[in-house]
Structures are given as C-alpha cells and as structure tokens.
Full PDB file with SEQRES, HELIX, SHEET, SSBOND, CRYST1, ORIGX, SCALE, CONECT and MASTER records, all heavy atoms in Angstrom:
SEQRES   1 A   33  ALA ASP SER VAL LYS GLY ARG PHE THR ILE SER ARG ASP          
SEQRES   2 A   33  SER ALA ARG ASN THR VAL TYR LEU GLN MET ASN MET LEU          
SEQRES   3 A   33  LYS PRO GLU ASP THR ALA VAL                                  
HELIX    1 AA1 SER A   14  ARG A   16  5                                   3    
HELIX    2 AA2 PRO A   28  ASP A   30  5                                   3    
SHEET    1 AA1 2 PHE A   8  ASP A  13  0                                        
SHEET    2 AA1 2 THR A  18  MET A  23 -1                                        
CRYST1    1.000    1.000    1.000  90.00  90.00  90.00 P 1           1          
ORIGX1      1.000000  0.000000  0.000000        0.00000                         
ORIGX2      0.000000  1.000000  0.000000        0.00000                         
ORIGX3      0.000000  0.000000  1.000000        0.00000                         
SCALE1      1.000000  0.000000  0.000000        0.00000                         
SCALE2      0.000000  1.000000  0.000000        0.00000                         
SCALE3      0.000000  0.000000  1.000000        0.00000                         
ATOM      1  N   ALA A   1     102.156 105.440 104.574  1.00  0.00           N  
ATOM      2  CA  ALA A   1     102.914 106.095 105.637  1.00  0.00           C  
ATOM      3  C   ALA A   1     104.390 105.750 105.448  1.00  0.00           C  
ATOM      4  O   ALA A   1     104.733 104.631 105.017  1.00  0.00           O  
ATOM      5  CB  ALA A   1     102.440 105.599 107.000  1.00  0.00           C  
ATOM      6  N   ASP A   2     105.254 106.689 105.767  1.00  0.00           N  
ATOM      7  CA  ASP A   2     106.692 106.449 105.590  1.00  0.00           C  
ATOM      8  C   ASP A   2     107.142 105.213 106.363  1.00  0.00           C  
ATOM      9  O   ASP A   2     108.022 104.485 105.912  1.00  0.00           O  
ATOM     10  CB  ASP A   2     107.481 107.674 106.065  1.00  0.00           C  
ATOM     11  CG  ASP A   2     107.371 108.850 105.110  1.00  0.00           C  
ATOM     12  OD1 ASP A   2     106.970 108.643 103.940  1.00  0.00           O  
ATOM     13  OD2 ASP A   2     107.667 109.976 105.536  1.00  0.00           O  
ATOM     14  N   SER A   3     106.523 104.988 107.509  1.00  0.00           N  
ATOM     15  CA  SER A   3     106.949 103.899 108.380  1.00  0.00           C  
ATOM     16  C   SER A   3     106.656 102.513 107.801  1.00  0.00           C  
ATOM     17  O   SER A   3     107.218 101.516 108.283  1.00  0.00           O  
ATOM     18  CB  SER A   3     106.281 104.021 109.746  1.00  0.00           C  
ATOM     19  OG  SER A   3     104.871 103.984 109.601  1.00  0.00           O  
ATOM     20  N   VAL A   4     105.802 102.439 106.782  1.00  0.00           N  
ATOM     21  CA  VAL A   4     105.449 101.126 106.227  1.00  0.00           C  
ATOM     22  C   VAL A   4     105.871 100.968 104.772  1.00  0.00           C  
ATOM     23  O   VAL A   4     105.701  99.878 104.196  1.00  0.00           O  
ATOM     24  CB  VAL A   4     103.940 100.849 106.370  1.00  0.00           C  
ATOM     25  CG1 VAL A   4     103.489 101.023 107.807  1.00  0.00           C  
ATOM     26  CG2 VAL A   4     103.119 101.706 105.427  1.00  0.00           C  
ATOM     27  N   LYS A   5     106.382 102.019 104.181  1.00  0.00           N  
ATOM     28  CA  LYS A   5     106.802 101.929 102.771  1.00  0.00           C  
ATOM     29  C   LYS A   5     107.814 100.812 102.575  1.00  0.00           C  
ATOM     30  O   LYS A   5     108.764 100.678 103.347  1.00  0.00           O  
ATOM     31  CB  LYS A   5     107.381 103.269 102.313  1.00  0.00           C  
ATOM     32  CG  LYS A   5     106.350 104.330 102.039  1.00  0.00           C  
ATOM     33  CD  LYS A   5     107.001 105.633 101.593  1.00  0.00           C  
ATOM     34  CE  LYS A   5     105.948 106.708 101.331  1.00  0.00           C  
ATOM     35  NZ  LYS A   5     106.569 108.017 100.980  1.00  0.00           N  
ATOM     36  N   GLY A   6     107.587 100.034 101.524  1.00  0.00           N  
ATOM     37  CA  GLY A   6     108.479  98.925 101.228  1.00  0.00           C  
ATOM     38  C   GLY A   6     108.138  97.649 101.977  1.00  0.00           C  
ATOM     39  O   GLY A   6     108.693  96.582 101.685  1.00  0.00           O  
ATOM     40  N   ARG A   7     107.240  97.749 102.962  1.00  0.00           N  
ATOM     41  CA  ARG A   7     106.859  96.564 103.747  1.00  0.00           C  
ATOM     42  C   ARG A   7     105.379  96.210 103.569  1.00  0.00           C  
ATOM     43  O   ARG A   7     105.026  95.028 103.583  1.00  0.00           O  
ATOM     44  CB  ARG A   7     107.130  96.804 105.236  1.00  0.00           C  
ATOM     45  CG  ARG A   7     108.576  97.097 105.552  1.00  0.00           C  
ATOM     46  CD  ARG A   7     108.826  97.130 107.062  1.00  0.00           C  
ATOM     47  NE  ARG A   7     108.075  98.178 107.741  1.00  0.00           N  
ATOM     48  CZ  ARG A   7     107.210  97.947 108.727  1.00  0.00           C  
ATOM     49  NH1 ARG A   7     106.983  96.712 109.137  1.00  0.00           N  
ATOM     50  NH2 ARG A   7     106.579  98.968 109.295  1.00  0.00           N  
ATOM     51  N   PHE A   8     104.547  97.213 103.428  1.00  0.00           N  
ATOM     52  CA  PHE A   8     103.099  97.000 103.312  1.00  0.00           C  
ATOM     53  C   PHE A   8     102.649  97.292 101.885  1.00  0.00           C  
ATOM     54  O   PHE A   8     103.186  98.191 101.229  1.00  0.00           O  
ATOM     55  CB  PHE A   8     102.331  97.913 104.252  1.00  0.00           C  
ATOM     56  CG  PHE A   8     102.470  97.599 105.720  1.00  0.00           C  
ATOM     57  CD1 PHE A   8     103.424  96.724 106.195  1.00  0.00           C  
ATOM     58  CD2 PHE A   8     101.619  98.215 106.639  1.00  0.00           C  
ATOM     59  CE1 PHE A   8     103.556  96.451 107.545  1.00  0.00           C  
ATOM     60  CE2 PHE A   8     101.733  97.947 107.991  1.00  0.00           C  
ATOM     61  CZ  PHE A   8     102.699  97.067 108.438  1.00  0.00           C  
ATOM     62  N   THR A   9     101.633  96.559 101.439  1.00  0.00           N  
ATOM     63  CA  THR A   9     101.070  96.789 100.117  1.00  0.00           C  
ATOM     64  C   THR A   9      99.552  96.759 100.206  1.00  0.00           C  
ATOM     65  O   THR A   9      98.974  95.803 100.740  1.00  0.00           O  
ATOM     66  CB  THR A   9     101.538  95.719  99.117  1.00  0.00           C  
ATOM     67  OG1 THR A   9     102.966  95.705  99.061  1.00  0.00           O  
ATOM     68  CG2 THR A   9     100.993  96.020  97.725  1.00  0.00           C  
ATOM     69  N   ILE A  10      98.930  97.793  99.678  1.00  0.00           N  
ATOM     70  CA  ILE A  10      97.471  97.826  99.602  1.00  0.00           C  
ATOM     71  C   ILE A  10      97.055  97.403  98.197  1.00  0.00           C  
ATOM     72  O   ILE A  10      97.686  97.782  97.206  1.00  0.00           O  
ATOM     73  CB  ILE A  10      96.921  99.230  99.959  1.00  0.00           C  
ATOM     74  CG1 ILE A  10      95.403  99.197 100.085  1.00  0.00           C  
ATOM     75  CG2 ILE A  10      97.383 100.293  98.971  1.00  0.00           C  
ATOM     76  CD1 ILE A  10      94.810 100.469 100.693  1.00  0.00           C  
ATOM     77  N   SER A  11      95.999  96.604  98.137  1.00  0.00           N  
ATOM     78  CA  SER A  11      95.510  96.143  96.845  1.00  0.00           C  
ATOM     79  C   SER A  11      94.012  95.896  96.956  1.00  0.00           C  
ATOM     80  O   SER A  11      93.448  95.955  98.048  1.00  0.00           O  
ATOM     81  CB  SER A  11      96.221  94.863  96.412  1.00  0.00           C  
ATOM     82  OG  SER A  11      95.957  93.809  97.319  1.00  0.00           O  
ATOM     83  N   ARG A  12      93.394  95.611  95.831  1.00  0.00           N  
ATOM     84  CA  ARG A  12      91.970  95.308  95.883  1.00  0.00           C  
ATOM     85  C   ARG A  12      91.595  94.279  94.836  1.00  0.00           C  
ATOM     86  O   ARG A  12      92.256  94.126  93.820  1.00  0.00           O  
ATOM     87  CB  ARG A  12      91.120  96.564  95.689  1.00  0.00           C  
ATOM     88  CG  ARG A  12      91.324  97.283  94.387  1.00  0.00           C  
ATOM     89  CD  ARG A  12      90.429  98.501  94.325  1.00  0.00           C  
ATOM     90  NE  ARG A  12      90.972  99.520  93.474  1.00  0.00           N  
ATOM     91  CZ  ARG A  12      90.655 100.802  93.554  1.00  0.00           C  
ATOM     92  NH1 ARG A  12      89.794 101.217  94.469  1.00  0.00           N  
ATOM     93  NH2 ARG A  12      91.176 101.675  92.721  1.00  0.00           N  
ATOM     94  N   ASP A  13      90.520  93.593  95.141  1.00  0.00           N  
ATOM     95  CA  ASP A  13      89.933  92.618  94.246  1.00  0.00           C  
ATOM     96  C   ASP A  13      88.541  93.127  93.913  1.00  0.00           C  
ATOM     97  O   ASP A  13      87.626  93.043  94.742  1.00  0.00           O  
ATOM     98  CB  ASP A  13      89.874  91.249  94.933  1.00  0.00           C  
ATOM     99  CG  ASP A  13      89.335  90.155  94.028  1.00  0.00           C  
ATOM    100  OD1 ASP A  13      88.611  90.473  93.054  1.00  0.00           O  
ATOM    101  OD2 ASP A  13      89.634  88.986  94.284  1.00  0.00           O  
ATOM    102  N   SER A  14      88.395  93.665  92.709  1.00  0.00           N  
ATOM    103  CA  SER A  14      87.123  94.281  92.352  1.00  0.00           C  
ATOM    104  C   SER A  14      85.989  93.268  92.296  1.00  0.00           C  
ATOM    105  O   SER A  14      84.831  93.594  92.576  1.00  0.00           O  
ATOM    106  CB  SER A  14      87.246  95.010  91.011  1.00  0.00           C  
ATOM    107  OG  SER A  14      87.667  94.120  89.991  1.00  0.00           O  
ATOM    108  N   ALA A  15      86.299  92.029  91.959  1.00  0.00           N  
ATOM    109  CA  ALA A  15      85.260  91.002  91.871  1.00  0.00           C  
ATOM    110  C   ALA A  15      84.686  90.673  93.247  1.00  0.00           C  
ATOM    111  O   ALA A  15      83.524  90.272  93.364  1.00  0.00           O  
ATOM    112  CB  ALA A  15      85.817  89.749  91.216  1.00  0.00           C  
ATOM    113  N   ARG A  16      85.501  90.842  94.270  1.00  0.00           N  
ATOM    114  CA  ARG A  16      85.073  90.531  95.635  1.00  0.00           C  
ATOM    115  C   ARG A  16      84.754  91.781  96.455  1.00  0.00           C  
ATOM    116  O   ARG A  16      84.434  91.665  97.637  1.00  0.00           O  
ATOM    117  CB  ARG A  16      86.151  89.716  96.346  1.00  0.00           C  
ATOM    118  CG  ARG A  16      86.309  88.299  95.828  1.00  0.00           C  
ATOM    119  CD  ARG A  16      87.367  87.533  96.599  1.00  0.00           C  
ATOM    120  NE  ARG A  16      87.334  86.097  96.333  1.00  0.00           N  
ATOM    121  CZ  ARG A  16      87.900  85.524  95.299  1.00  0.00           C  
ATOM    122  NH1 ARG A  16      88.550  86.249  94.412  1.00  0.00           N  
ATOM    123  NH2 ARG A  16      87.816  84.221  95.115  1.00  0.00           N  
ATOM    124  N   ASN A  17      84.858  92.968  95.828  1.00  0.00           N  
ATOM    125  CA  ASN A  17      84.625  94.219  96.555  1.00  0.00           C  
ATOM    126  C   ASN A  17      85.468  94.269  97.821  1.00  0.00           C  
ATOM    127  O   ASN A  17      85.001  94.684  98.883  1.00  0.00           O  
ATOM    128  CB  ASN A  17      83.141  94.383  96.925  1.00  0.00           C  
ATOM    129  CG  ASN A  17      82.259  94.618  95.725  1.00  0.00           C  
ATOM    130  OD1 ASN A  17      82.737  94.928  94.635  1.00  0.00           O  
ATOM    131  ND2 ASN A  17      80.971  94.444  95.900  1.00  0.00           N  
ATOM    132  N   THR A  18      86.704  93.856  97.698  1.00  0.00           N  
ATOM    133  CA  THR A  18      87.564  93.701  98.864  1.00  0.00           C  
ATOM    134  C   THR A  18      88.882  94.432  98.666  1.00  0.00           C  
ATOM    135  O   THR A  18      89.461  94.392  97.575  1.00  0.00           O  
ATOM    136  CB  THR A  18      87.830  92.210  99.146  1.00  0.00           C  
ATOM    137  OG1 THR A  18      86.574  91.565  99.425  1.00  0.00           O  
ATOM    138  CG2 THR A  18      88.742  92.029 100.342  1.00  0.00           C  
ATOM    139  N   VAL A  19      89.314  95.075  99.729  1.00  0.00           N  
ATOM    140  CA  VAL A  19      90.625  95.717  99.777  1.00  0.00           C  
ATOM    141  C   VAL A  19      91.490  94.942 100.766  1.00  0.00           C  
ATOM    142  O   VAL A  19      90.999  94.494 101.810  1.00  0.00           O  
ATOM    143  CB  VAL A  19      90.503  97.188 100.200  1.00  0.00           C  
ATOM    144  CG1 VAL A  19      91.871  97.789 100.465  1.00  0.00           C  
ATOM    145  CG2 VAL A  19      89.785  97.983  99.128  1.00  0.00           C  
ATOM    146  N   TYR A  20      92.747  94.787 100.418  1.00  0.00           N  
ATOM    147  CA  TYR A  20      93.677  94.029 101.244  1.00  0.00           C  
ATOM    148  C   TYR A  20      94.827  94.916 101.713  1.00  0.00           C  
ATOM    149  O   TYR A  20      95.187  95.895 101.055  1.00  0.00           O  
ATOM    150  CB  TYR A  20      94.264  92.856 100.467  1.00  0.00           C  
ATOM    151  CG  TYR A  20      93.234  91.900  99.924  1.00  0.00           C  
ATOM    152  CD1 TYR A  20      92.809  91.985  98.594  1.00  0.00           C  
ATOM    153  CD2 TYR A  20      92.691  90.908 100.722  1.00  0.00           C  
ATOM    154  CE1 TYR A  20      91.865  91.111  98.094  1.00  0.00           C  
ATOM    155  CE2 TYR A  20      91.742  90.026 100.226  1.00  0.00           C  
ATOM    156  CZ  TYR A  20      91.336  90.130  98.906  1.00  0.00           C  
ATOM    157  OH  TYR A  20      90.392  89.254  98.415  1.00  0.00           O  
ATOM    158  N   LEU A  21      95.399  94.524 102.818  1.00  0.00           N  
ATOM    159  CA  LEU A  21      96.653  95.122 103.269  1.00  0.00           C  
ATOM    160  C   LEU A  21      97.603  93.965 103.564  1.00  0.00           C  
ATOM    161  O   LEU A  21      97.417  93.250 104.544  1.00  0.00           O  
ATOM    162  CB  LEU A  21      96.458  95.990 104.501  1.00  0.00           C  
ATOM    163  CG  LEU A  21      97.717  96.726 104.966  1.00  0.00           C  
ATOM    164  CD1 LEU A  21      98.124  97.793 103.941  1.00  0.00           C  
ATOM    165  CD2 LEU A  21      97.514  97.364 106.336  1.00  0.00           C  
ATOM    166  N   GLN A  22      98.559  93.795 102.682  1.00  0.00           N  
ATOM    167  CA  GLN A  22      99.593  92.790 102.900  1.00  0.00           C  
ATOM    168  C   GLN A  22     100.709  93.425 103.700  1.00  0.00           C  
ATOM    169  O   GLN A  22     101.283  94.434 103.268  1.00  0.00           O  
ATOM    170  CB  GLN A  22     100.131  92.274 101.564  1.00  0.00           C  
ATOM    171  CG  GLN A  22     101.241  91.246 101.695  1.00  0.00           C  
ATOM    172  CD  GLN A  22     100.783  89.947 102.325  1.00  0.00           C  
ATOM    173  OE1 GLN A  22      99.707  89.439 102.011  1.00  0.00           O  
ATOM    174  NE2 GLN A  22     101.586  89.416 103.223  1.00  0.00           N  
ATOM    175  N   MET A  23     101.013  92.844 104.833  1.00  0.00           N  
ATOM    176  CA  MET A  23     102.008  93.409 105.749  1.00  0.00           C  
ATOM    177  C   MET A  23     103.156  92.416 105.895  1.00  0.00           C  
ATOM    178  O   MET A  23     102.953  91.296 106.378  1.00  0.00           O  
ATOM    179  CB  MET A  23     101.379  93.694 107.109  1.00  0.00           C  
ATOM    180  CG  MET A  23     100.153  94.595 107.021  1.00  0.00           C  
ATOM    181  SD  MET A  23      99.468  95.031 108.632  1.00  0.00           S  
ATOM    182  CE  MET A  23      98.838  93.435 109.161  1.00  0.00           C  
ATOM    183  N   ASN A  24     104.324  92.818 105.453  1.00  0.00           N  
ATOM    184  CA  ASN A  24     105.517  91.978 105.523  1.00  0.00           C  
ATOM    185  C   ASN A  24     106.551  92.628 106.423  1.00  0.00           C  
ATOM    186  O   ASN A  24     106.475  93.819 106.715  1.00  0.00           O  
ATOM    187  CB  ASN A  24     106.105  91.769 104.129  1.00  0.00           C  
ATOM    188  CG  ASN A  24     105.151  91.060 103.193  1.00  0.00           C  
ATOM    189  OD1 ASN A  24     104.362  90.211 103.598  1.00  0.00           O  
ATOM    190  ND2 ASN A  24     105.219  91.398 101.908  1.00  0.00           N  
ATOM    191  N   MET A  25     107.514  91.840 106.812  1.00  0.00           N  
ATOM    192  CA  MET A  25     108.613  92.331 107.669  1.00  0.00           C  
ATOM    193  C   MET A  25     108.055  93.118 108.852  1.00  0.00           C  
ATOM    194  O   MET A  25     108.503  94.231 109.145  1.00  0.00           O  
ATOM    195  CB  MET A  25     109.572  93.190 106.843  1.00  0.00           C  
ATOM    196  CG  MET A  25     110.288  92.413 105.757  1.00  0.00           C  
ATOM    197  SD  MET A  25     111.453  93.428 104.820  1.00  0.00           S  
ATOM    198  CE  MET A  25     110.324  94.442 103.859  1.00  0.00           C  
ATOM    199  N   LEU A  26     107.110  92.529 109.518  1.00  0.00           N  
ATOM    200  CA  LEU A  26     106.421  93.215 110.608  1.00  0.00           C  
ATOM    201  C   LEU A  26     107.359  93.471 111.784  1.00  0.00           C  
ATOM    202  O   LEU A  26     108.267  92.679 112.065  1.00  0.00           O  
ATOM    203  CB  LEU A  26     105.213  92.408 111.051  1.00  0.00           C  
ATOM    204  CG  LEU A  26     104.019  92.511 110.090  1.00  0.00           C  
ATOM    205  CD1 LEU A  26     103.056  91.356 110.281  1.00  0.00           C  
ATOM    206  CD2 LEU A  26     103.304  93.846 110.280  1.00  0.00           C  
ATOM    207  N   LYS A  27     107.089  94.595 112.439  1.00  0.00           N  
ATOM    208  CA  LYS A  27     107.899  95.029 113.577  1.00  0.00           C  
ATOM    209  C   LYS A  27     106.986  95.192 114.795  1.00  0.00           C  
ATOM    210  O   LYS A  27     105.788  95.423 114.651  1.00  0.00           O  
ATOM    211  CB  LYS A  27     108.547  96.382 113.265  1.00  0.00           C  
ATOM    212  CG  LYS A  27     109.382  96.407 112.006  1.00  0.00           C  
ATOM    213  CD  LYS A  27     109.898  97.819 111.731  1.00  0.00           C  
ATOM    214  CE  LYS A  27     110.721  97.875 110.462  1.00  0.00           C  
ATOM    215  NZ  LYS A  27     111.235  99.249 110.196  1.00  0.00           N  
ATOM    216  N   PRO A  28     107.563  95.114 115.984  1.00  0.00           N  
ATOM    217  CA  PRO A  28     106.725  95.318 117.183  1.00  0.00           C  
ATOM    218  C   PRO A  28     105.976  96.646 117.160  1.00  0.00           C  
ATOM    219  O   PRO A  28     104.849  96.723 117.658  1.00  0.00           O  
ATOM    220  CB  PRO A  28     107.750  95.263 118.316  1.00  0.00           C  
ATOM    221  CG  PRO A  28     108.818  94.349 117.800  1.00  0.00           C  
ATOM    222  CD  PRO A  28     108.924  94.675 116.334  1.00  0.00           C  
ATOM    223  N   GLU A  29     106.573  97.658 116.563  1.00  0.00           N  
ATOM    224  CA  GLU A  29     105.916  98.962 116.519  1.00  0.00           C  
ATOM    225  C   GLU A  29     104.732  98.998 115.559  1.00  0.00           C  
ATOM    226  O   GLU A  29     104.011  99.998 115.495  1.00  0.00           O  
ATOM    227  CB  GLU A  29     106.909 100.078 116.160  1.00  0.00           C  
ATOM    228  CG  GLU A  29     107.749  99.814 114.938  1.00  0.00           C  
ATOM    229  CD  GLU A  29     109.119  99.243 115.295  1.00  0.00           C  
ATOM    230  OE1 GLU A  29     109.197  98.355 116.170  1.00  0.00           O  
ATOM    231  OE2 GLU A  29     110.107  99.676 114.666  1.00  0.00           O  
ATOM    232  N   ASP A  30     104.512  97.932 114.818  1.00  0.00           N  
ATOM    233  CA  ASP A  30     103.319  97.839 113.980  1.00  0.00           C  
ATOM    234  C   ASP A  30     102.100  97.370 114.780  1.00  0.00           C  
ATOM    235  O   ASP A  30     100.978  97.338 114.263  1.00  0.00           O  
ATOM    236  CB  ASP A  30     103.544  96.867 112.819  1.00  0.00           C  
ATOM    237  CG  ASP A  30     104.587  97.360 111.840  1.00  0.00           C  
ATOM    238  OD1 ASP A  30     104.579  98.562 111.510  1.00  0.00           O  
ATOM    239  OD2 ASP A  30     105.414  96.532 111.388  1.00  0.00           O  
ATOM    240  N   THR A  31     102.323  97.009 116.026  1.00  0.00           N  
ATOM    241  CA  THR A  31     101.234  96.565 116.879  1.00  0.00           C  
ATOM    242  C   THR A  31     100.206  97.674 117.054  1.00  0.00           C  
ATOM    243  O   THR A  31     100.546  98.791 117.448  1.00  0.00           O  
ATOM    244  CB  THR A  31     101.768  96.132 118.244  1.00  0.00           C  
ATOM    245  OG1 THR A  31     102.602  94.979 118.070  1.00  0.00           O  
ATOM    246  CG2 THR A  31     100.631  95.791 119.197  1.00  0.00           C  
ATOM    247  N   ALA A  32      98.959  97.360 116.747  1.00  0.00           N  
ATOM    248  CA  ALA A  32      97.889  98.351 116.812  1.00  0.00           C  
ATOM    249  C   ALA A  32      96.572  97.684 116.434  1.00  0.00           C  
ATOM    250  O   ALA A  32      96.556  96.533 115.969  1.00  0.00           O  
ATOM    251  CB  ALA A  32      98.157  99.506 115.857  1.00  0.00           C  
ATOM    252  N   VAL A  33      95.503  98.431 116.623  1.00  0.00           N  
ATOM    253  CA  VAL A  33      94.221  98.043 116.029  1.00  0.00           C  
ATOM    254  C   VAL A  33      94.161  98.686 114.648  1.00  0.00           C  
ATOM    255  O   VAL A  33      94.370  99.897 114.514  1.00  0.00           O  
ATOM    256  CB  VAL A  33      93.031  98.488 116.889  1.00  0.00           C  
ATOM    257  CG1 VAL A  33      91.718  98.132 116.200  1.00  0.00           C  
ATOM    258  CG2 VAL A  33      93.108  97.855 118.268  1.00  0.00           C  
TER     259      VAL A  33                                                      
MASTER        0    0    0    2    2    0    0    6  258    1    0    3          
END                                                                             
C-alpha cells in the first residue's frame, strides 16, 4: 500500500512456512487489527 511503502517489509522463511511483516517508523494511523 502506498501508505506503508518504505516503512513496511514483507518477507518469508520457507523453512518455517512463515511470512513476516516488519513494520518500522510506525504512525498512529497504522493502528488496526
């Protein structure tokens, strides 16, 4: 999403069957479920 570009990174670990969302420089407007 444009609102998270440059701040959030999606990645995965195939060995763990896991996807991650690294969220940096968080803002109050990122508050959500």
